[in-house]
Amino acid sequence: MAGGVARFSLIGSMLIAGALAGCGAQERPGTGPGGVPLENFTAEQIFERGEFELERDRPEDAAEYFGEIERLYPYSEWAKRALIMQAFAFHRDRDYENSRAAAQRYIDFYPLEDDAAYAQYLLALSYYDQIEEVGRDQGLTFQALQSLRAVIETYPDSEYARSAILKFDLAFDHLAGKEMEIGRYYLKRQHYAAAVNRFRVVVEDFQTTTHTPEALHRLVEAYLSLGLTDEAQTAGAILGYNYRSTAWYKDSYALLTGQGLSPQSIGDNWLSAIYRQTVKGEWL
């Protein structure tokens, strides 16, 4: 971001002597050293103390100081700078809800400022950084995707667009992983039709992710179990064309040939349509 967040070198030399420089005493909210009300300090002094708290890894305190600038000096240049720094401090403290709220306020109040791109990126990170295990609810993943797309589309020339694209792809892959997890669950319990529905979603909607080869193989497994050999062979043909060197194709090939079948597009089904599109380039 322009200016603020990148400037995290120790600022002791910048602090005005005797003002808010790192005293060891614990101050009450809304006060500086010795309990002196923050109203007695300038916006710049409070801002520098917020940076100082970030330097000593106390982002919660930093966020409070940055918030006080917004309260005491509203609509000032320092309040604008403090708001984006507050969003950053909250995020560093893993207080994602407040980080998101501060970032959104910045976007609402200063949509044309250079740091608006960073605010949008922080907002997206407040969702993205909560994506952990595949088994968790995927609502956060959808919200992360939407917010990352906003960075990419609204600020395509910003320094955050490239990172947003990478994170978008990872989040997209994460959603595909969730579908695969559920599909495997159904497949293991011989609920083949339900499994097919999940693997189909991956092949149709998440075909650029790393999960597509396995999804095609699982379709071969599920369709063979259902006795739908045309679909199984067609899934194998797509797998062989696009991912021939993978273990998934080798396993599918063994399954098919073990039943006297071969990977080839047969019949008129949703997989044969994909085969015509991806292999033959026939889109109509």
C-alpha atoms as a PDB file:
ATOM      1  CA  MET A   1       0.000   0.000   0.000  1.00  0.00           C
ATOM      2  CA  ALA A   2       1.139   3.536  -0.567  1.00  0.00           C
ATOM      3  CA  GLY A   3       2.776   4.981   2.511  1.00  0.00           C
ATOM      4  CA  GLY A   4       1.596   3.365   5.764  1.00  0.00           C
ATOM      5  CA  VAL A   5       1.831  -0.394   6.131  1.00  0.00           C
ATOM      6  CA  ALA A   6       5.215  -0.805   4.482  1.00  0.00           C
ATOM      7  CA  ARG A   7       6.824   1.554   6.965  1.00  0.00           C
ATOM      8  CA  PHE A   8       7.417  -0.658   9.956  1.00  0.00           C
ATOM      9  CA  SER A   9      10.996   0.219  10.884  1.00  0.00           C
ATOM     10  CA  LEU A  10      11.444   1.277  14.481  1.00  0.00           C
ATOM     11  CA  ILE A  11      10.213   4.855  14.745  1.00  0.00           C
ATOM     12  CA  GLY A  12      11.665   5.809  18.089  1.00  0.00           C
ATOM     13  CA  SER A  13      13.629   8.588  16.451  1.00  0.00           C
ATOM     14  CA  MET A  14      10.421   9.902  14.960  1.00  0.00           C
ATOM     15  CA  LEU A  15       8.519  10.082  18.213  1.00  0.00           C
ATOM     16  CA  ILE A  16       8.329  13.518  19.675  1.00  0.00           C
ATOM     17  CA  ALA A  17      10.341  13.491  22.893  1.00  0.00           C
ATOM     18  CA  GLY A  18       8.198  13.016  25.965  1.00  0.00           C
ATOM     19  CA  ALA A  19       4.968  12.597  24.050  1.00  0.00           C
ATOM     20  CA  LEU A  20       3.956   9.007  23.345  1.00  0.00           C
ATOM     21  CA  ALA A  21       7.352   7.293  23.156  1.00  0.00           C
ATOM     22  CA  GLY A  22       7.325   3.716  24.463  1.00  0.00           C
ATOM     23  CA  CYS A  23       6.710   4.009  28.160  1.00  0.00           C
ATOM     24  CA  GLY A  24       6.529   0.737  29.982  1.00  0.00           C
ATOM     25  CA  ALA A  25       3.447   1.738  31.984  1.00  0.00           C
ATOM     26  CA  GLN A  26       0.092   0.338  30.966  1.00  0.00           C
ATOM     27  CA  GLU A  27      -2.206   3.133  29.875  1.00  0.00           C
ATOM     28  CA  ARG A  28      -5.971   3.098  30.186  1.00  0.00           C
ATOM     29  CA  PRO A  29      -7.998   3.263  26.960  1.00  0.00           C
ATOM     30  CA  GLY A  30      -8.176   6.796  25.671  1.00  0.00           C
ATOM     31  CA  THR A  31      -5.084   7.916  27.555  1.00  0.00           C
ATOM     32  CA  GLY A  32      -1.372   8.205  26.960  1.00  0.00           C
ATOM     33  CA  PRO A  33       1.520   7.758  29.377  1.00  0.00           C
ATOM     34  CA  GLY A  34       0.699   8.653  32.951  1.00  0.00           C
ATOM     35  CA  GLY A  35      -3.011   8.647  32.223  1.00  0.00           C
ATOM     36  CA  VAL A  36      -2.818  11.872  30.207  1.00  0.00           C
ATOM     37  CA  PRO A  37      -5.909  12.067  27.946  1.00  0.00           C
ATOM     38  CA  LEU A  38      -5.148  11.520  24.286  1.00  0.00           C
ATOM     39  CA  GLU A  39      -6.908  14.792  23.531  1.00  0.00           C
ATOM     40  CA  ASN A  40      -3.669  16.448  24.668  1.00  0.00           C
ATOM     41  CA  PHE A  41      -1.706  14.872  21.818  1.00  0.00           C
ATOM     42  CA  THR A  42      -1.676  15.634  18.143  1.00  0.00           C
ATOM     43  CA  ALA A  43      -2.991  13.218  15.546  1.00  0.00           C
ATOM     44  CA  GLU A  44       0.559  12.658  14.331  1.00  0.00           C
ATOM     45  CA  GLN A  45       1.769  11.778  17.842  1.00  0.00           C
ATOM     46  CA  ILE A  46      -1.040   9.261  18.323  1.00  0.00           C
ATOM     47  CA  PHE A  47      -0.414   7.796  14.883  1.00  0.00           C
ATOM     48  CA  GLU A  48       3.262   7.325  15.682  1.00  0.00           C
ATOM     49  CA  ARG A  49       2.357   5.601  18.931  1.00  0.00           C
ATOM     50  CA  GLY A  50       0.135   3.237  16.971  1.00  0.00           C
ATOM     51  CA  GLU A  51       3.076   2.405  14.717  1.00  0.00           C
ATOM     52  CA  PHE A  52       5.251   1.933  17.784  1.00  0.00           C
ATOM     53  CA  GLU A  53       2.757  -0.591  19.205  1.00  0.00           C
ATOM     54  CA  LEU A  54       2.862  -2.484  15.929  1.00  0.00           C
ATOM     55  CA  GLU A  55       6.652  -2.542  16.149  1.00  0.00           C
ATOM     56  CA  ARG A  56       6.539  -4.198  19.552  1.00  0.00           C
ATOM     57  CA  ASP A  57       3.941  -6.681  18.342  1.00  0.00           C
ATOM     58  CA  ARG A  58       0.932  -5.275  20.145  1.00  0.00           C
ATOM     59  CA  PRO A  59      -1.532  -4.895  17.257  1.00  0.00           C
ATOM     60  CA  GLU A  60      -4.585  -4.734  19.516  1.00  0.00           C
ATOM     61  CA  ASP A  61      -3.200  -1.621  21.239  1.00  0.00           C
ATOM     62  CA  ALA A  62      -2.129  -0.212  17.885  1.00  0.00           C
ATOM     63  CA  ALA A  63      -5.655  -0.583  16.520  1.00  0.00           C
ATOM     64  CA  GLU A  64      -6.985   1.300  19.538  1.00  0.00           C
ATOM     65  CA  TYR A  65      -4.621   4.209  18.980  1.00  0.00           C
ATOM     66  CA  PHE A  66      -5.449   4.394  15.290  1.00  0.00           C
ATOM     67  CA  GLY A  67      -9.132   4.338  16.190  1.00  0.00           C
ATOM     68  CA  GLU A  68      -8.659   7.242  18.600  1.00  0.00           C
ATOM     69  CA  ILE A  69      -7.358   9.385  15.750  1.00  0.00           C
ATOM     70  CA  GLU A  70     -10.577   8.768  13.844  1.00  0.00           C
ATOM     71  CA  ARG A  71     -12.524   9.800  16.936  1.00  0.00           C
ATOM     72  CA  LEU A  72     -10.484  12.844  17.881  1.00  0.00           C
ATOM     73  CA  TYR A  73      -9.552  14.134  14.435  1.00  0.00           C
ATOM     74  CA  PRO A  74     -12.363  13.036  12.094  1.00  0.00           C
ATOM     75  CA  TYR A  75     -12.084  13.853   8.389  1.00  0.00           C
ATOM     76  CA  SER A  76      -8.421  14.781   8.766  1.00  0.00           C
ATOM     77  CA  GLU A  77      -5.615  13.392   6.625  1.00  0.00           C
ATOM     78  CA  TRP A  78      -4.334  11.568   9.691  1.00  0.00           C
ATOM     79  CA  ALA A  79      -7.751   9.991  10.273  1.00  0.00           C
ATOM     80  CA  LYS A  80      -7.698   8.653   6.725  1.00  0.00           C
ATOM     81  CA  ARG A  81      -4.250   7.162   7.189  1.00  0.00           C
ATOM     82  CA  ALA A  82      -5.151   5.808  10.615  1.00  0.00           C
ATOM     83  CA  LEU A  83      -8.232   4.013   9.314  1.00  0.00           C
ATOM     84  CA  ILE A  84      -6.301   1.833   6.873  1.00  0.00           C
ATOM     85  CA  MET A  85      -3.662   1.208   9.535  1.00  0.00           C
ATOM     86  CA  GLN A  86      -6.376   0.199  11.965  1.00  0.00           C
ATOM     87  CA  ALA A  87      -7.677  -2.327   9.448  1.00  0.00           C
ATOM     88  CA  PHE A  88      -4.141  -3.689   9.123  1.00  0.00           C
ATOM     89  CA  ALA A  89      -3.614  -3.823  12.900  1.00  0.00           C
ATOM     90  CA  PHE A  90      -6.876  -5.684  13.453  1.00  0.00           C
ATOM     91  CA  HIS A  91      -5.932  -8.181  10.752  1.00  0.00           C
ATOM     92  CA  ARG A  92      -2.514  -8.707  12.274  1.00  0.00           C
ATOM     93  CA  ASP A  93      -4.287  -9.365  15.589  1.00  0.00           C
ATOM     94  CA  ARG A  94      -6.502 -11.909  13.762  1.00  0.00           C
ATOM     95  CA  ASP A  95      -9.536  -9.827  14.657  1.00  0.00           C
ATOM     96  CA  TYR A  96     -10.936 -10.416  11.194  1.00  0.00           C
ATOM     97  CA  GLU A  97     -14.405  -9.003  11.805  1.00  0.00           C
ATOM     98  CA  ASN A  98     -13.102  -5.630  12.956  1.00  0.00           C
ATOM     99  CA  SER A  99     -10.442  -5.619  10.248  1.00  0.00           C
ATOM    100  CA  ARG A 100     -13.147  -6.166   7.658  1.00  0.00           C
ATOM    101  CA  ALA A 101     -15.292  -3.398   9.155  1.00  0.00           C
ATOM    102  CA  ALA A 102     -12.423  -0.891   9.151  1.00  0.00           C
ATOM    103  CA  ALA A 103     -11.412  -1.814   5.606  1.00  0.00           C
ATOM    104  CA  GLN A 104     -14.993  -1.440   4.413  1.00  0.00           C
ATOM    105  CA  ARG A 105     -15.256   1.991   6.038  1.00  0.00           C
ATOM    106  CA  TYR A 106     -12.127   3.058   4.204  1.00  0.00           C
ATOM    107  CA  ILE A 107     -13.555   1.859   0.894  1.00  0.00           C
ATOM    108  CA  ASP A 108     -16.832   3.678   1.616  1.00  0.00           C
ATOM    109  CA  PHE A 109     -15.200   6.948   2.683  1.00  0.00           C
ATOM    110  CA  TYR A 110     -12.172   7.049   0.374  1.00  0.00           C
ATOM    111  CA  PRO A 111     -12.964   4.959  -2.722  1.00  0.00           C
ATOM    112  CA  LEU A 112     -10.646   6.952  -4.984  1.00  0.00           C
ATOM    113  CA  GLU A 113      -7.580   6.953  -2.751  1.00  0.00           C
ATOM    114  CA  ASP A 114      -4.555   4.805  -3.585  1.00  0.00           C
ATOM    115  CA  ASP A 115      -5.009   2.778  -0.413  1.00  0.00           C
ATOM    116  CA  ALA A 116      -8.543   1.767  -1.415  1.00  0.00           C
ATOM    117  CA  ALA A 117      -6.991  -1.143  -3.314  1.00  0.00           C
ATOM    118  CA  TYR A 118      -5.193  -2.261  -0.167  1.00  0.00           C
ATOM    119  CA  ALA A 119      -8.389  -1.873   1.863  1.00  0.00           C
ATOM    120  CA  GLN A 120     -10.220  -4.138  -0.571  1.00  0.00           C
ATOM    121  CA  TYR A 121      -7.340  -6.614  -0.393  1.00  0.00           C
ATOM    122  CA  LEU A 122      -7.439  -6.589   3.425  1.00  0.00           C
ATOM    123  CA  LEU A 123     -11.172  -7.161   3.310  1.00  0.00           C
ATOM    124  CA  ALA A 124     -10.614 -10.200   1.103  1.00  0.00           C
ATOM    125  CA  LEU A 125      -7.848 -11.466   3.400  1.00  0.00           C
ATOM    126  CA  SER A 126     -10.203 -11.225   6.373  1.00  0.00           C
ATOM    127  CA  TYR A 127     -12.135 -14.074   4.737  1.00  0.00           C
ATOM    128  CA  TYR A 128      -9.275 -15.855   3.016  1.00  0.00           C
ATOM    129  CA  ASP A 129      -7.096 -16.199   6.109  1.00  0.00           C
ATOM    130  CA  GLN A 130      -9.891 -18.051   7.888  1.00  0.00           C
ATOM    131  CA  ILE A 131      -9.971 -20.789   5.253  1.00  0.00           C
ATOM    132  CA  GLU A 132      -8.241 -23.699   6.900  1.00  0.00           C
ATOM    133  CA  GLU A 133      -9.380 -27.280   6.682  1.00  0.00           C
ATOM    134  CA  VAL A 134     -11.406 -28.539   3.739  1.00  0.00           C
ATOM    135  CA  GLY A 135     -13.994 -29.933   6.129  1.00  0.00           C
ATOM    136  CA  ARG A 136     -15.041 -26.523   7.434  1.00  0.00           C
ATOM    137  CA  ASP A 137     -18.092 -24.645   6.221  1.00  0.00           C
ATOM    138  CA  GLN A 138     -17.310 -23.148   2.837  1.00  0.00           C
ATOM    139  CA  GLY A 139     -19.245 -19.914   3.254  1.00  0.00           C
ATOM    140  CA  LEU A 140     -16.012 -18.078   4.053  1.00  0.00           C
ATOM    141  CA  THR A 141     -14.460 -19.477   0.890  1.00  0.00           C
ATOM    142  CA  PHE A 142     -17.278 -18.091  -1.258  1.00  0.00           C
ATOM    143  CA  GLN A 143     -16.967 -14.718   0.440  1.00  0.00           C
ATOM    144  CA  ALA A 144     -13.200 -14.759  -0.056  1.00  0.00           C
ATOM    145  CA  LEU A 145     -13.675 -15.498  -3.749  1.00  0.00           C
ATOM    146  CA  GLN A 146     -16.111 -12.617  -4.144  1.00  0.00           C
ATOM    147  CA  SER A 147     -13.829 -10.173  -2.333  1.00  0.00           C
ATOM    148  CA  LEU A 148     -10.715 -11.322  -4.187  1.00  0.00           C
ATOM    149  CA  ARG A 149     -12.554 -10.924  -7.474  1.00  0.00           C
ATOM    150  CA  ALA A 150     -13.374  -7.351  -6.450  1.00  0.00           C
ATOM    151  CA  VAL A 151      -9.653  -6.662  -6.029  1.00  0.00           C
ATOM    152  CA  ILE A 152      -8.851  -8.203  -9.405  1.00  0.00           C
ATOM    153  CA  GLU A 153     -11.631  -6.460 -11.313  1.00  0.00           C
ATOM    154  CA  THR A 154     -11.686  -3.074  -9.554  1.00  0.00           C
ATOM    155  CA  TYR A 155      -7.938  -2.617  -9.133  1.00  0.00           C
ATOM    156  CA  PRO A 156      -6.366  -4.692 -11.948  1.00  0.00           C
ATOM    157  CA  ASP A 157      -3.263  -2.492 -12.116  1.00  0.00           C
ATOM    158  CA  SER A 158      -2.615  -2.427  -8.379  1.00  0.00           C
ATOM    159  CA  GLU A 159       0.216  -4.281  -6.692  1.00  0.00           C
ATOM    160  CA  TYR A 160      -2.374  -6.471  -4.961  1.00  0.00           C
ATOM    161  CA  ALA A 161      -4.058  -7.833  -8.079  1.00  0.00           C
ATOM    162  CA  ARG A 162      -1.420 -10.496  -8.734  1.00  0.00           C
ATOM    163  CA  SER A 163      -1.567 -11.770  -5.160  1.00  0.00           C
ATOM    164  CA  ALA A 164      -5.368 -11.728  -5.318  1.00  0.00           C
ATOM    165  CA  ILE A 165      -5.297 -13.871  -8.462  1.00  0.00           C
ATOM    166  CA  LEU A 166      -3.073 -16.459  -6.786  1.00  0.00           C
ATOM    167  CA  LYS A 167      -5.259 -16.558  -3.699  1.00  0.00           C
ATOM    168  CA  PHE A 168      -8.392 -16.732  -5.847  1.00  0.00           C
ATOM    169  CA  ASP A 169      -7.040 -19.839  -7.574  1.00  0.00           C
ATOM    170  CA  LEU A 170      -6.190 -21.429  -4.229  1.00  0.00           C
ATOM    171  CA  ALA A 171      -9.622 -20.664  -2.792  1.00  0.00           C
ATOM    172  CA  PHE A 172     -11.247 -22.012  -5.951  1.00  0.00           C
ATOM    173  CA  ASP A 173      -9.203 -25.186  -5.559  1.00  0.00           C
ATOM    174  CA  HIS A 174     -10.339 -25.349  -1.948  1.00  0.00           C
ATOM    175  CA  LEU A 175     -13.995 -25.425  -2.992  1.00  0.00           C
ATOM    176  CA  ALA A 176     -13.275 -28.239  -5.426  1.00  0.00           C
ATOM    177  CA  GLY A 177     -11.571 -30.086  -2.591  1.00  0.00           C
ATOM    178  CA  LYS A 178     -14.755 -29.853  -0.554  1.00  0.00           C
ATOM    179  CA  GLU A 179     -16.778 -31.405  -3.376  1.00  0.00           C
ATOM    180  CA  MET A 180     -14.211 -34.182  -3.662  1.00  0.00           C
ATOM    181  CA  GLU A 181     -14.331 -34.872   0.050  1.00  0.00           C
ATOM    182  CA  ILE A 182     -18.099 -35.291  -0.015  1.00  0.00           C
ATOM    183  CA  GLY A 183     -17.952 -37.333  -3.209  1.00  0.00           C
ATOM    184  CA  ARG A 184     -15.427 -39.746  -1.688  1.00  0.00           C
ATOM    185  CA  TYR A 185     -17.647 -40.077   1.366  1.00  0.00           C
ATOM    186  CA  TYR A 186     -20.597 -41.144  -0.787  1.00  0.00           C
ATOM    187  CA  LEU A 187     -18.442 -43.403  -2.946  1.00  0.00           C
ATOM    188  CA  LYS A 188     -17.021 -45.221   0.056  1.00  0.00           C
ATOM    189  CA  ARG A 189     -20.539 -45.881   1.301  1.00  0.00           C
ATOM    190  CA  GLN A 190     -21.670 -47.067  -2.135  1.00  0.00           C
ATOM    191  CA  HIS A 191     -24.019 -44.126  -2.662  1.00  0.00           C
ATOM    192  CA  TYR A 192     -22.873 -43.989  -6.264  1.00  0.00           C
ATOM    193  CA  ALA A 193     -25.432 -41.592  -7.715  1.00  0.00           C
ATOM    194  CA  ALA A 194     -24.760 -39.040  -4.980  1.00  0.00           C
ATOM    195  CA  ALA A 195     -21.012 -39.464  -5.515  1.00  0.00           C
ATOM    196  CA  VAL A 196     -21.392 -38.912  -9.262  1.00  0.00           C
ATOM    197  CA  ASN A 197     -23.199 -35.636  -8.624  1.00  0.00           C
ATOM    198  CA  ARG A 198     -20.272 -34.308  -6.569  1.00  0.00           C
ATOM    199  CA  PHE A 199     -17.573 -35.416  -8.987  1.00  0.00           C
ATOM    200  CA  ARG A 200     -19.569 -33.977 -11.867  1.00  0.00           C
ATOM    201  CA  VAL A 201     -19.523 -30.575 -10.184  1.00  0.00           C
ATOM    202  CA  VAL A 202     -15.728 -30.711 -10.057  1.00  0.00           C
ATOM    203  CA  VAL A 203     -15.403 -31.724 -13.715  1.00  0.00           C
ATOM    204  CA  GLU A 204     -17.896 -29.145 -14.969  1.00  0.00           C
ATOM    205  CA  ASP A 205     -17.363 -26.191 -12.617  1.00  0.00           C
ATOM    206  CA  PHE A 206     -13.834 -26.658 -11.282  1.00  0.00           C
ATOM    207  CA  GLN A 207     -12.086 -28.183 -14.279  1.00  0.00           C
ATOM    208  CA  THR A 208      -9.047 -25.914 -13.953  1.00  0.00           C
ATOM    209  CA  THR A 209      -8.266 -27.126 -10.424  1.00  0.00           C
ATOM    210  CA  THR A 210      -5.876 -29.832  -9.294  1.00  0.00           C
ATOM    211  CA  HIS A 211      -8.783 -32.106  -8.369  1.00  0.00           C
ATOM    212  CA  THR A 212     -10.059 -32.751 -11.891  1.00  0.00           C
ATOM    213  CA  PRO A 213      -7.940 -35.860 -12.664  1.00  0.00           C
ATOM    214  CA  GLU A 214      -9.098 -37.619  -9.512  1.00  0.00           C
ATOM    215  CA  ALA A 215     -12.702 -36.547 -10.129  1.00  0.00           C
ATOM    216  CA  LEU A 216     -12.624 -38.200 -13.561  1.00  0.00           C
ATOM    217  CA  HIS A 217     -11.140 -41.371 -12.096  1.00  0.00           C
ATOM    218  CA  ARG A 218     -13.794 -41.465  -9.364  1.00  0.00           C
ATOM    219  CA  LEU A 219     -16.434 -41.097 -12.069  1.00  0.00           C
ATOM    220  CA  VAL A 220     -14.992 -44.172 -13.782  1.00  0.00           C
ATOM    221  CA  GLU A 221     -15.256 -46.038 -10.481  1.00  0.00           C
ATOM    222  CA  ALA A 222     -18.787 -44.859  -9.725  1.00  0.00           C
ATOM    223  CA  TYR A 223     -20.173 -45.430 -13.216  1.00  0.00           C
ATOM    224  CA  LEU A 224     -18.700 -48.918 -13.417  1.00  0.00           C
ATOM    225  CA  SER A 225     -20.339 -49.702 -10.086  1.00  0.00           C
ATOM    226  CA  LEU A 226     -23.648 -48.468 -11.494  1.00  0.00           C
ATOM    227  CA  GLY A 227     -23.195 -50.511 -14.669  1.00  0.00           C
ATOM    228  CA  LEU A 228     -23.076 -47.365 -16.823  1.00  0.00           C
ATOM    229  CA  THR A 229     -20.169 -48.385 -19.017  1.00  0.00           C
ATOM    230  CA  ASP A 230     -20.618 -45.690 -21.671  1.00  0.00           C
ATOM    231  CA  GLU A 231     -20.132 -42.948 -19.097  1.00  0.00           C
ATOM    232  CA  ALA A 232     -17.246 -44.803 -17.447  1.00  0.00           C
ATOM    233  CA  GLN A 233     -15.396 -45.242 -20.732  1.00  0.00           C
ATOM    234  CA  THR A 234     -15.976 -41.624 -21.722  1.00  0.00           C
ATOM    235  CA  ALA A 235     -14.670 -40.366 -18.368  1.00  0.00           C
ATOM    236  CA  GLY A 236     -11.617 -42.541 -18.935  1.00  0.00           C
ATOM    237  CA  ALA A 237     -11.151 -41.102 -22.424  1.00  0.00           C
ATOM    238  CA  ILE A 238     -11.187 -37.523 -21.129  1.00  0.00           C
ATOM    239  CA  LEU A 239      -8.793 -38.497 -18.361  1.00  0.00           C
ATOM    240  CA  GLY A 240      -6.463 -40.164 -20.837  1.00  0.00           C
ATOM    241  CA  TYR A 241      -6.462 -37.220 -23.194  1.00  0.00           C
ATOM    242  CA  ASN A 242      -5.786 -34.560 -20.581  1.00  0.00           C
ATOM    243  CA  TYR A 243      -3.956 -36.426 -17.817  1.00  0.00           C
ATOM    244  CA  ARG A 244      -2.421 -39.513 -19.413  1.00  0.00           C
ATOM    245  CA  SER A 245       0.747 -39.413 -17.309  1.00  0.00           C
ATOM    246  CA  THR A 246      -1.087 -39.413 -13.975  1.00  0.00           C
ATOM    247  CA  ALA A 247      -1.646 -42.346 -11.638  1.00  0.00           C
ATOM    248  CA  TRP A 248      -5.361 -41.621 -11.876  1.00  0.00           C
ATOM    249  CA  TYR A 249      -5.382 -42.510 -15.563  1.00  0.00           C
ATOM    250  CA  LYS A 250      -3.360 -45.662 -14.967  1.00  0.00           C
ATOM    251  CA  ASP A 251      -5.864 -46.778 -12.318  1.00  0.00           C
ATOM    252  CA  SER A 252      -8.835 -45.974 -14.543  1.00  0.00           C
ATOM    253  CA  TYR A 253      -7.255 -47.772 -17.480  1.00  0.00           C
ATOM    254  CA  ALA A 254      -6.743 -50.860 -15.307  1.00  0.00           C
ATOM    255  CA  LEU A 255     -10.366 -50.756 -14.111  1.00  0.00           C
ATOM    256  CA  LEU A 256     -11.745 -50.425 -17.625  1.00  0.00           C
ATOM    257  CA  THR A 257      -9.548 -53.012 -19.316  1.00  0.00           C
ATOM    258  CA  GLY A 258     -10.169 -55.364 -16.417  1.00  0.00           C
ATOM    259  CA  GLN A 259     -13.807 -55.443 -17.513  1.00  0.00           C
ATOM    260  CA  GLY A 260     -13.010 -55.718 -21.198  1.00  0.00           C
ATOM    261  CA  LEU A 261     -13.600 -52.015 -21.809  1.00  0.00           C
ATOM    262  CA  SER A 262     -11.403 -49.205 -23.089  1.00  0.00           C
ATOM    263  CA  PRO A 263     -11.157 -45.430 -22.617  1.00  0.00           C
ATOM    264  CA  GLN A 264     -13.243 -44.002 -25.450  1.00  0.00           C
ATOM    265  CA  SER A 265     -16.148 -41.638 -25.904  1.00  0.00           C
ATOM    266  CA  ILE A 266     -19.350 -43.637 -26.291  1.00  0.00           C
ATOM    267  CA  GLY A 267     -23.004 -42.632 -26.273  1.00  0.00           C
ATOM    268  CA  ASP A 268     -24.672 -39.283 -25.820  1.00  0.00           C
ATOM    269  CA  ASN A 269     -24.301 -38.078 -22.246  1.00  0.00           C
ATOM    270  CA  TRP A 270     -22.895 -35.135 -20.336  1.00  0.00           C
ATOM    271  CA  LEU A 271     -19.382 -36.572 -20.443  1.00  0.00           C
ATOM    272  CA  SER A 272     -19.478 -37.156 -24.191  1.00  0.00           C
ATOM    273  CA  ALA A 273     -20.420 -33.483 -24.569  1.00  0.00           C
ATOM    274  CA  ILE A 274     -17.347 -32.528 -22.537  1.00  0.00           C
ATOM    275  CA  TYR A 275     -15.256 -34.915 -24.643  1.00  0.00           C
ATOM    276  CA  ARG A 276     -16.410 -33.224 -27.840  1.00  0.00           C
ATOM    277  CA  GLN A 277     -15.617 -29.814 -26.381  1.00  0.00           C
ATOM    278  CA  THR A 278     -12.245 -30.493 -24.780  1.00  0.00           C
ATOM    279  CA  VAL A 279     -10.834 -33.089 -27.159  1.00  0.00           C
ATOM    280  CA  LYS A 280     -12.417 -32.316 -30.511  1.00  0.00           C
ATOM    281  CA  GLY A 281     -13.071 -28.631 -29.979  1.00  0.00           C
ATOM    282  CA  GLU A 282     -16.744 -28.987 -30.921  1.00  0.00           C
ATOM    283  CA  TRP A 283     -18.723 -26.501 -28.863  1.00  0.00           C
ATOM    284  CA  LEU A 284     -22.096 -26.843 -30.570  1.00  0.00           C
END
